[in-house]
Amino acid sequence: MPSFKTGAVVRGETKPVFNGLAFATQDEAAKYGRDLAGRWMLVERIVVEESTDSVNYQWIDGVGLRDVTATAAVN
């Protein structure tokens, strides 16, 4: 099952950079990207790409990020 990663294109660069976060849906990744762009000063554009990485984060509206790997380890 694919996951979705958020990349940020920052001023002076042409390619996005990605962190280790992978979301279950494209919508979650996009919402995280909008939040990230609102906190970073040099972001010119956010991209969301499909990935083969395992889902490790969830975006919860009104709350923010949740590490699903930590939750799975506790349960």
PDB file of N, CA and C in Angstrom:
ATOM      1  N   MET A   1       0.855  -1.184   0.000  1.00  0.00           N
ATOM      2  CA  MET A   1       0.000   0.000   0.000  1.00  0.00           C
ATOM      3  C   MET A   1       0.898   1.243   0.000  1.00  0.00           C
ATOM      4  N   PRO A   2       0.659   2.164  -0.886  1.00  0.00           N
ATOM      5  CA  PRO A   2       1.524   3.346  -0.969  1.00  0.00           C
ATOM      6  C   PRO A   2       1.290   4.312   0.188  1.00  0.00           C
ATOM      7  N   SER A   3       2.280   5.128   0.417  1.00  0.00           N
ATOM      8  CA  SER A   3       2.149   6.231   1.366  1.00  0.00           C
ATOM      9  C   SER A   3       2.404   7.518   0.591  1.00  0.00           C
ATOM     10  N   PHE A   4       2.327   8.638   1.277  1.00  0.00           N
ATOM     11  CA  PHE A   4       2.523   9.935   0.624  1.00  0.00           C
ATOM     12  C   PHE A   4       3.467  10.777   1.466  1.00  0.00           C
ATOM     13  N   LYS A   5       4.437  11.402   0.778  1.00  0.00           N
ATOM     14  CA  LYS A   5       5.444  12.224   1.446  1.00  0.00           C
ATOM     15  C   LYS A   5       5.313  13.663   0.984  1.00  0.00           C
ATOM     16  N   THR A   6       5.659  14.571   1.878  1.00  0.00           N
ATOM     17  CA  THR A   6       5.599  16.003   1.601  1.00  0.00           C
ATOM     18  C   THR A   6       7.005  16.528   1.374  1.00  0.00           C
ATOM     19  N   GLY A   7       7.178  17.244   0.275  1.00  0.00           N
ATOM     20  CA  GLY A   7       8.464  17.869  -0.013  1.00  0.00           C
ATOM     21  C   GLY A   7       8.310  19.376  -0.076  1.00  0.00           C
ATOM     22  N   ALA A   8       9.364  20.065   0.314  1.00  0.00           N
ATOM     23  CA  ALA A   8       9.356  21.531   0.279  1.00  0.00           C
ATOM     24  C   ALA A   8      10.430  22.013  -0.693  1.00  0.00           C
ATOM     25  N   VAL A   9      10.029  22.895  -1.595  1.00  0.00           N
ATOM     26  CA  VAL A   9      10.983  23.567  -2.476  1.00  0.00           C
ATOM     27  C   VAL A   9      11.257  24.915  -1.830  1.00  0.00           C
ATOM     28  N   VAL A  10      12.502  25.123  -1.437  1.00  0.00           N
ATOM     29  CA  VAL A  10      12.856  26.362  -0.756  1.00  0.00           C
ATOM     30  C   VAL A  10      13.521  27.335  -1.726  1.00  0.00           C
ATOM     31  N   ARG A  11      13.495  28.586  -1.351  1.00  0.00           N
ATOM     32  CA  ARG A  11      14.049  29.653  -2.185  1.00  0.00           C
ATOM     33  C   ARG A  11      15.475  29.302  -2.622  1.00  0.00           C
ATOM     34  N   GLY A  12      15.722  29.445  -3.918  1.00  0.00           N
ATOM     35  CA  GLY A  12      17.042  29.194  -4.475  1.00  0.00           C
ATOM     36  C   GLY A  12      17.258  27.762  -4.936  1.00  0.00           C
ATOM     37  N   GLU A  13      16.304  26.884  -4.686  1.00  0.00           N
ATOM     38  CA  GLU A  13      16.417  25.482  -5.096  1.00  0.00           C
ATOM     39  C   GLU A  13      15.362  25.154  -6.146  1.00  0.00           C
ATOM     40  N   THR A  14      15.591  24.095  -6.906  1.00  0.00           N
ATOM     41  CA  THR A  14      14.630  23.688  -7.929  1.00  0.00           C
ATOM     42  C   THR A  14      13.956  22.359  -7.599  1.00  0.00           C
ATOM     43  N   LYS A  15      14.552  21.595  -6.684  1.00  0.00           N
ATOM     44  CA  LYS A  15      14.007  20.282  -6.330  1.00  0.00           C
ATOM     45  C   LYS A  15      13.535  20.287  -4.882  1.00  0.00           C
ATOM     46  N   PRO A  16      12.474  19.525  -4.596  1.00  0.00           N
ATOM     47  CA  PRO A  16      11.989  19.462  -3.217  1.00  0.00           C
ATOM     48  C   PRO A  16      12.911  18.634  -2.337  1.00  0.00           C
ATOM     49  N   VAL A  17      12.911  18.953  -1.055  1.00  0.00           N
ATOM     50  CA  VAL A  17      13.585  18.144  -0.043  1.00  0.00           C
ATOM     51  C   VAL A  17      12.502  17.509   0.830  1.00  0.00           C
ATOM     52  N   PHE A  18      12.762  16.285   1.241  1.00  0.00           N
ATOM     53  CA  PHE A  18      11.786  15.515   2.000  1.00  0.00           C
ATOM     54  C   PHE A  18      12.360  15.156   3.363  1.00  0.00           C
ATOM     55  N   ASN A  19      11.489  15.008   4.344  1.00  0.00           N
ATOM     56  CA  ASN A  19      11.912  14.486   5.634  1.00  0.00           C
ATOM     57  C   ASN A  19      11.452  13.032   5.723  1.00  0.00           C
ATOM     58  N   GLY A  20      11.499  12.442   6.875  1.00  0.00           N
ATOM     59  CA  GLY A  20      11.160  11.032   7.019  1.00  0.00           C
ATOM     60  C   GLY A  20       9.699  10.742   7.269  1.00  0.00           C
ATOM     61  N   LEU A  21       8.824  11.751   7.165  1.00  0.00           N
ATOM     62  CA  LEU A  21       7.412  11.543   7.456  1.00  0.00           C
ATOM     63  C   LEU A  21       6.681  10.967   6.243  1.00  0.00           C
ATOM     64  N   ALA A  22       5.874   9.934   6.484  1.00  0.00           N
ATOM     65  CA  ALA A  22       5.061   9.312   5.430  1.00  0.00           C
ATOM     66  C   ALA A  22       3.637   9.157   5.955  1.00  0.00           C
ATOM     67  N   PHE A  23       2.674   9.615   5.150  1.00  0.00           N
ATOM     68  CA  PHE A  23       1.265   9.639   5.551  1.00  0.00           C
ATOM     69  C   PHE A  23       0.458   8.622   4.755  1.00  0.00           C
ATOM     70  N   ALA A  24      -0.680   8.206   5.309  1.00  0.00           N
ATOM     71  CA  ALA A  24      -1.535   7.213   4.660  1.00  0.00           C
ATOM     72  C   ALA A  24      -2.277   7.782   3.458  1.00  0.00           C
ATOM     73  N   THR A  25      -2.568   9.087   3.490  1.00  0.00           N
ATOM     74  CA  THR A  25      -3.342   9.671   2.395  1.00  0.00           C
ATOM     75  C   THR A  25      -2.648  10.910   1.832  1.00  0.00           C
ATOM     76  N   GLN A  26      -2.974  11.200   0.591  1.00  0.00           N
ATOM     77  CA  GLN A  26      -2.450  12.396  -0.059  1.00  0.00           C
ATOM     78  C   GLN A  26      -2.961  13.647   0.653  1.00  0.00           C
ATOM     79  N   ASP A  27      -4.197  13.600   1.117  1.00  0.00           N
ATOM     80  CA  ASP A  27      -4.794  14.738   1.826  1.00  0.00           C
ATOM     81  C   ASP A  27      -4.038  15.056   3.116  1.00  0.00           C
ATOM     82  N   GLU A  28      -3.691  14.022   3.892  1.00  0.00           N
ATOM     83  CA  GLU A  28      -2.927  14.245   5.123  1.00  0.00           C
ATOM     84  C   GLU A  28      -1.577  14.885   4.819  1.00  0.00           C
ATOM     85  N   ALA A  29      -0.891  14.380   3.804  1.00  0.00           N
ATOM     86  CA  ALA A  29       0.421  14.916   3.432  1.00  0.00           C
ATOM     87  C   ALA A  29       0.305  16.375   2.986  1.00  0.00           C
ATOM     88  N   ALA A  30      -0.759  16.697   2.248  1.00  0.00           N
ATOM     89  CA  ALA A  30      -0.962  18.074   1.793  1.00  0.00           C
ATOM     90  C   ALA A  30      -1.247  19.009   2.966  1.00  0.00           C
ATOM     91  N   LYS A  31      -2.045  18.554   3.918  1.00  0.00           N
ATOM     92  CA  LYS A  31      -2.345  19.382   5.098  1.00  0.00           C
ATOM     93  C   LYS A  31      -1.087  19.621   5.917  1.00  0.00           C
ATOM     94  N   TYR A  32      -0.277  18.591   6.082  1.00  0.00           N
ATOM     95  CA  TYR A  32       0.991  18.770   6.772  1.00  0.00           C
ATOM     96  C   TYR A  32       1.866  19.775   6.015  1.00  0.00           C
ATOM     97  N   GLY A  33       1.883  19.687   4.697  1.00  0.00           N
ATOM     98  CA  GLY A  33       2.672  20.608   3.885  1.00  0.00           C
ATOM     99  C   GLY A  33       2.234  22.053   4.049  1.00  0.00           C
ATOM    100  N   ARG A  34       0.931  22.277   4.093  1.00  0.00           N
ATOM    101  CA  ARG A  34       0.432  23.647   4.303  1.00  0.00           C
ATOM    102  C   ARG A  34       0.845  24.169   5.677  1.00  0.00           C
ATOM    103  N   ASP A  35       0.782  23.288   6.671  1.00  0.00           N
ATOM    104  CA  ASP A  35       1.207  23.683   8.012  1.00  0.00           C
ATOM    105  C   ASP A  35       2.708  23.994   8.021  1.00  0.00           C
ATOM    106  N   LEU A  36       3.491  23.156   7.406  1.00  0.00           N
ATOM    107  CA  LEU A  36       4.937  23.357   7.333  1.00  0.00           C
ATOM    108  C   LEU A  36       5.282  24.668   6.633  1.00  0.00           C
ATOM    109  N   ALA A  37       4.631  24.929   5.514  1.00  0.00           N
ATOM    110  CA  ALA A  37       4.895  26.159   4.758  1.00  0.00           C
ATOM    111  C   ALA A  37       4.543  27.401   5.570  1.00  0.00           C
ATOM    112  N   GLY A  38       3.576  27.281   6.463  1.00  0.00           N
ATOM    113  CA  GLY A  38       3.198  28.405   7.305  1.00  0.00           C
ATOM    114  C   GLY A  38       4.209  28.695   8.409  1.00  0.00           C
ATOM    115  N   ARG A  39       5.060  27.717   8.716  1.00  0.00           N
ATOM    116  CA  ARG A  39       6.062  27.882   9.774  1.00  0.00           C
ATOM    117  C   ARG A  39       7.458  28.174   9.230  1.00  0.00           C
ATOM    118  N   TRP A  40       7.731  27.764   8.017  1.00  0.00           N
ATOM    119  CA  TRP A  40       9.050  27.980   7.420  1.00  0.00           C
ATOM    120  C   TRP A  40       9.024  29.229   6.562  1.00  0.00           C
ATOM    121  N   MET A  41      10.062  30.014   6.630  1.00  0.00           N
ATOM    122  CA  MET A  41      10.094  31.293   5.930  1.00  0.00           C
ATOM    123  C   MET A  41      10.451  31.188   4.448  1.00  0.00           C
ATOM    124  N   LEU A  42      11.252  30.225   4.054  1.00  0.00           N
ATOM    125  CA  LEU A  42      11.785  30.194   2.690  1.00  0.00           C
ATOM    126  C   LEU A  42      11.078  29.219   1.751  1.00  0.00           C
ATOM    127  N   VAL A  43       9.968  28.630   2.178  1.00  0.00           N
ATOM    128  CA  VAL A  43       9.254  27.674   1.329  1.00  0.00           C
ATOM    129  C   VAL A  43       8.556  28.414   0.192  1.00  0.00           C
ATOM    130  N   GLU A  44       8.862  28.011  -1.031  1.00  0.00           N
ATOM    131  CA  GLU A  44       8.196  28.593  -2.199  1.00  0.00           C
ATOM    132  C   GLU A  44       7.057  27.722  -2.693  1.00  0.00           C
ATOM    133  N   ARG A  45       7.195  26.401  -2.450  1.00  0.00           N
ATOM    134  CA  ARG A  45       6.187  25.484  -2.971  1.00  0.00           C
ATOM    135  C   ARG A  45       6.271  24.173  -2.214  1.00  0.00           C
ATOM    136  N   ILE A  46       5.113  23.538  -2.047  1.00  0.00           N
ATOM    137  CA  ILE A  46       5.015  22.224  -1.407  1.00  0.00           C
ATOM    138  C   ILE A  46       4.570  21.215  -2.464  1.00  0.00           C
ATOM    139  N   VAL A  47       5.175  20.036  -2.443  1.00  0.00           N
ATOM    140  CA  VAL A  47       4.769  18.960  -3.340  1.00  0.00           C
ATOM    141  C   VAL A  47       4.439  17.726  -2.507  1.00  0.00           C
ATOM    142  N   VAL A  48       3.530  16.922  -3.004  1.00  0.00           N
ATOM    143  CA  VAL A  48       3.191  15.651  -2.365  1.00  0.00           C
ATOM    144  C   VAL A  48       3.437  14.559  -3.394  1.00  0.00           C
ATOM    145  N   GLU A  49       4.222  13.569  -2.995  1.00  0.00           N
ATOM    146  CA  GLU A  49       4.549  12.464  -3.903  1.00  0.00           C
ATOM    147  C   GLU A  49       4.214  11.134  -3.250  1.00  0.00           C
ATOM    148  N   GLU A  50       3.828  10.181  -4.090  1.00  0.00           N
ATOM    149  CA  GLU A  50       3.574   8.829  -3.615  1.00  0.00           C
ATOM    150  C   GLU A  50       4.909   8.181  -3.262  1.00  0.00           C
ATOM    151  N   SER A  51       4.893   7.321  -2.249  1.00  0.00           N
ATOM    152  CA  SER A  51       6.116   6.698  -1.762  1.00  0.00           C
ATOM    153  C   SER A  51       5.863   5.228  -1.421  1.00  0.00           C
ATOM    154  N   THR A  52       6.929   4.470  -1.375  1.00  0.00           N
ATOM    155  CA  THR A  52       6.824   3.072  -0.935  1.00  0.00           C
ATOM    156  C   THR A  52       7.178   2.932   0.548  1.00  0.00           C
ATOM    157  N   ASP A  53       7.514   4.043   1.203  1.00  0.00           N
ATOM    158  CA  ASP A  53       7.830   4.017   2.638  1.00  0.00           C
ATOM    159  C   ASP A  53       6.593   3.620   3.452  1.00  0.00           C
ATOM    160  N   SER A  54       6.832   2.993   4.579  1.00  0.00           N
ATOM    161  CA  SER A  54       5.732   2.646   5.482  1.00  0.00           C
ATOM    162  C   SER A  54       5.164   3.912   6.120  1.00  0.00           C
ATOM    163  N   VAL A  55       3.858   3.922   6.324  1.00  0.00           N
ATOM    164  CA  VAL A  55       3.213   5.056   6.991  1.00  0.00           C
ATOM    165  C   VAL A  55       3.750   5.134   8.415  1.00  0.00           C
ATOM    166  N   ASN A  56       4.208   6.340   8.805  1.00  0.00           N
ATOM    167  CA  ASN A  56       4.728   6.498  10.157  1.00  0.00           C
ATOM    168  C   ASN A  56       4.147   7.712  10.889  1.00  0.00           C
ATOM    169  N   TYR A  57       3.363   8.515  10.190  1.00  0.00           N
ATOM    170  CA  TYR A  57       2.722   9.672  10.828  1.00  0.00           C
ATOM    171  C   TYR A  57       1.298   9.831  10.317  1.00  0.00           C
ATOM    172  N   GLN A  58       0.492  10.478  11.141  1.00  0.00           N
ATOM    173  CA  GLN A  58      -0.897  10.786  10.802  1.00  0.00           C
ATOM    174  C   GLN A  58      -1.105  12.271  11.062  1.00  0.00           C
ATOM    175  N   TRP A  59      -1.857  12.924  10.176  1.00  0.00           N
ATOM    176  CA  TRP A  59      -2.218  14.324  10.391  1.00  0.00           C
ATOM    177  C   TRP A  59      -3.634  14.345  10.944  1.00  0.00           C
ATOM    178  N   ILE A  60      -3.824  14.991  12.084  1.00  0.00           N
ATOM    179  CA  ILE A  60      -5.138  15.095  12.706  1.00  0.00           C
ATOM    180  C   ILE A  60      -5.527  16.563  12.727  1.00  0.00           C
ATOM    181  N   ASP A  61      -6.625  16.911  12.049  1.00  0.00           N
ATOM    182  CA  ASP A  61      -7.068  18.308  12.003  1.00  0.00           C
ATOM    183  C   ASP A  61      -7.264  18.852  13.407  1.00  0.00           C
ATOM    184  N   GLY A  62      -6.756  20.051  13.636  1.00  0.00           N
ATOM    185  CA  GLY A  62      -6.896  20.702  14.924  1.00  0.00           C
ATOM    186  C   GLY A  62      -5.895  20.235  15.971  1.00  0.00           C
ATOM    187  N   VAL A  63      -5.149  19.185  15.664  1.00  0.00           N
ATOM    188  CA  VAL A  63      -4.178  18.643  16.611  1.00  0.00           C
ATOM    189  C   VAL A  63      -2.770  18.718  16.031  1.00  0.00           C
ATOM    190  N   GLY A  64      -2.620  18.238  14.808  1.00  0.00           N
ATOM    191  CA  GLY A  64      -1.312  18.224  14.159  1.00  0.00           C
ATOM    192  C   GLY A  64      -0.809  16.820  13.939  1.00  0.00           C
ATOM    193  N   LEU A  65       0.479  16.627  14.138  1.00  0.00           N
ATOM    194  CA  LEU A  65       1.117  15.350  13.852  1.00  0.00           C
ATOM    195  C   LEU A  65       0.943  14.339  14.971  1.00  0.00           C
ATOM    196  N   ARG A  66       0.864  13.081  14.570  1.00  0.00           N
ATOM    197  CA  ARG A  66       0.828  11.973  15.530  1.00  0.00           C
ATOM    198  C   ARG A  66       1.714  10.871  14.977  1.00  0.00           C
ATOM    199  N   ASP A  67       2.679  10.437  15.762  1.00  0.00           N
ATOM    200  CA  ASP A  67       3.607   9.359  15.383  1.00  0.00           C
ATOM    201  C   ASP A  67       2.878   8.024  15.544  1.00  0.00           C
ATOM    202  N   VAL A  68       2.538   7.377  14.456  1.00  0.00           N
ATOM    203  CA  VAL A  68       1.784   6.131  14.551  1.00  0.00           C
ATOM    204  C   VAL A  68       2.694   4.941  14.875  1.00  0.00           C
ATOM    205  N   THR A  69       3.994   5.084  14.690  1.00  0.00           N
ATOM    206  CA  THR A  69       4.893   3.994  15.042  1.00  0.00           C
ATOM    207  C   THR A  69       5.017   3.853  16.556  1.00  0.00           C
ATOM    208  N   ALA A  70       5.019   4.963  17.275  1.00  0.00           N
ATOM    209  CA  ALA A  70       5.084   4.924  18.738  1.00  0.00           C
ATOM    210  C   ALA A  70       3.800   4.334  19.303  1.00  0.00           C
ATOM    211  N   THR A  71       2.667   4.690  18.713  1.00  0.00           N
ATOM    212  CA  THR A  71       1.365   4.179  19.169  1.00  0.00           C
ATOM    213  C   THR A  71       1.293   2.672  18.950  1.00  0.00           C
ATOM    214  N   ALA A  72       1.766   2.220  17.791  1.00  0.00           N
ATOM    215  CA  ALA A  72       1.716   0.783  17.479  1.00  0.00           C
ATOM    216  C   ALA A  72       2.600  -0.013  18.445  1.00  0.00           C
ATOM    217  N   ALA A  73       3.711   0.565  18.849  1.00  0.00           N
ATOM    218  CA  ALA A  73       4.612  -0.127  19.760  1.00  0.00           C
ATOM    219  C   ALA A  73       4.016  -0.286  21.155  1.00  0.00           C
ATOM    220  N   VAL A  74       3.156   0.660  21.543  1.00  0.00           N
ATOM    221  CA  VAL A  74       2.552   0.627  22.878  1.00  0.00           C
ATOM    222  C   VAL A  74       1.387  -0.350  22.911  1.00  0.00           C
ATOM    223  N   ASN A  75       0.648  -0.473  21.834  1.00  0.00           N
ATOM    224  CA  ASN A  75      -0.545  -1.320  21.815  1.00  0.00           C
ATOM    225  C   ASN A  75      -0.222  -2.772  21.729  1.00  0.00           C
TER     226      ASN A  75
END
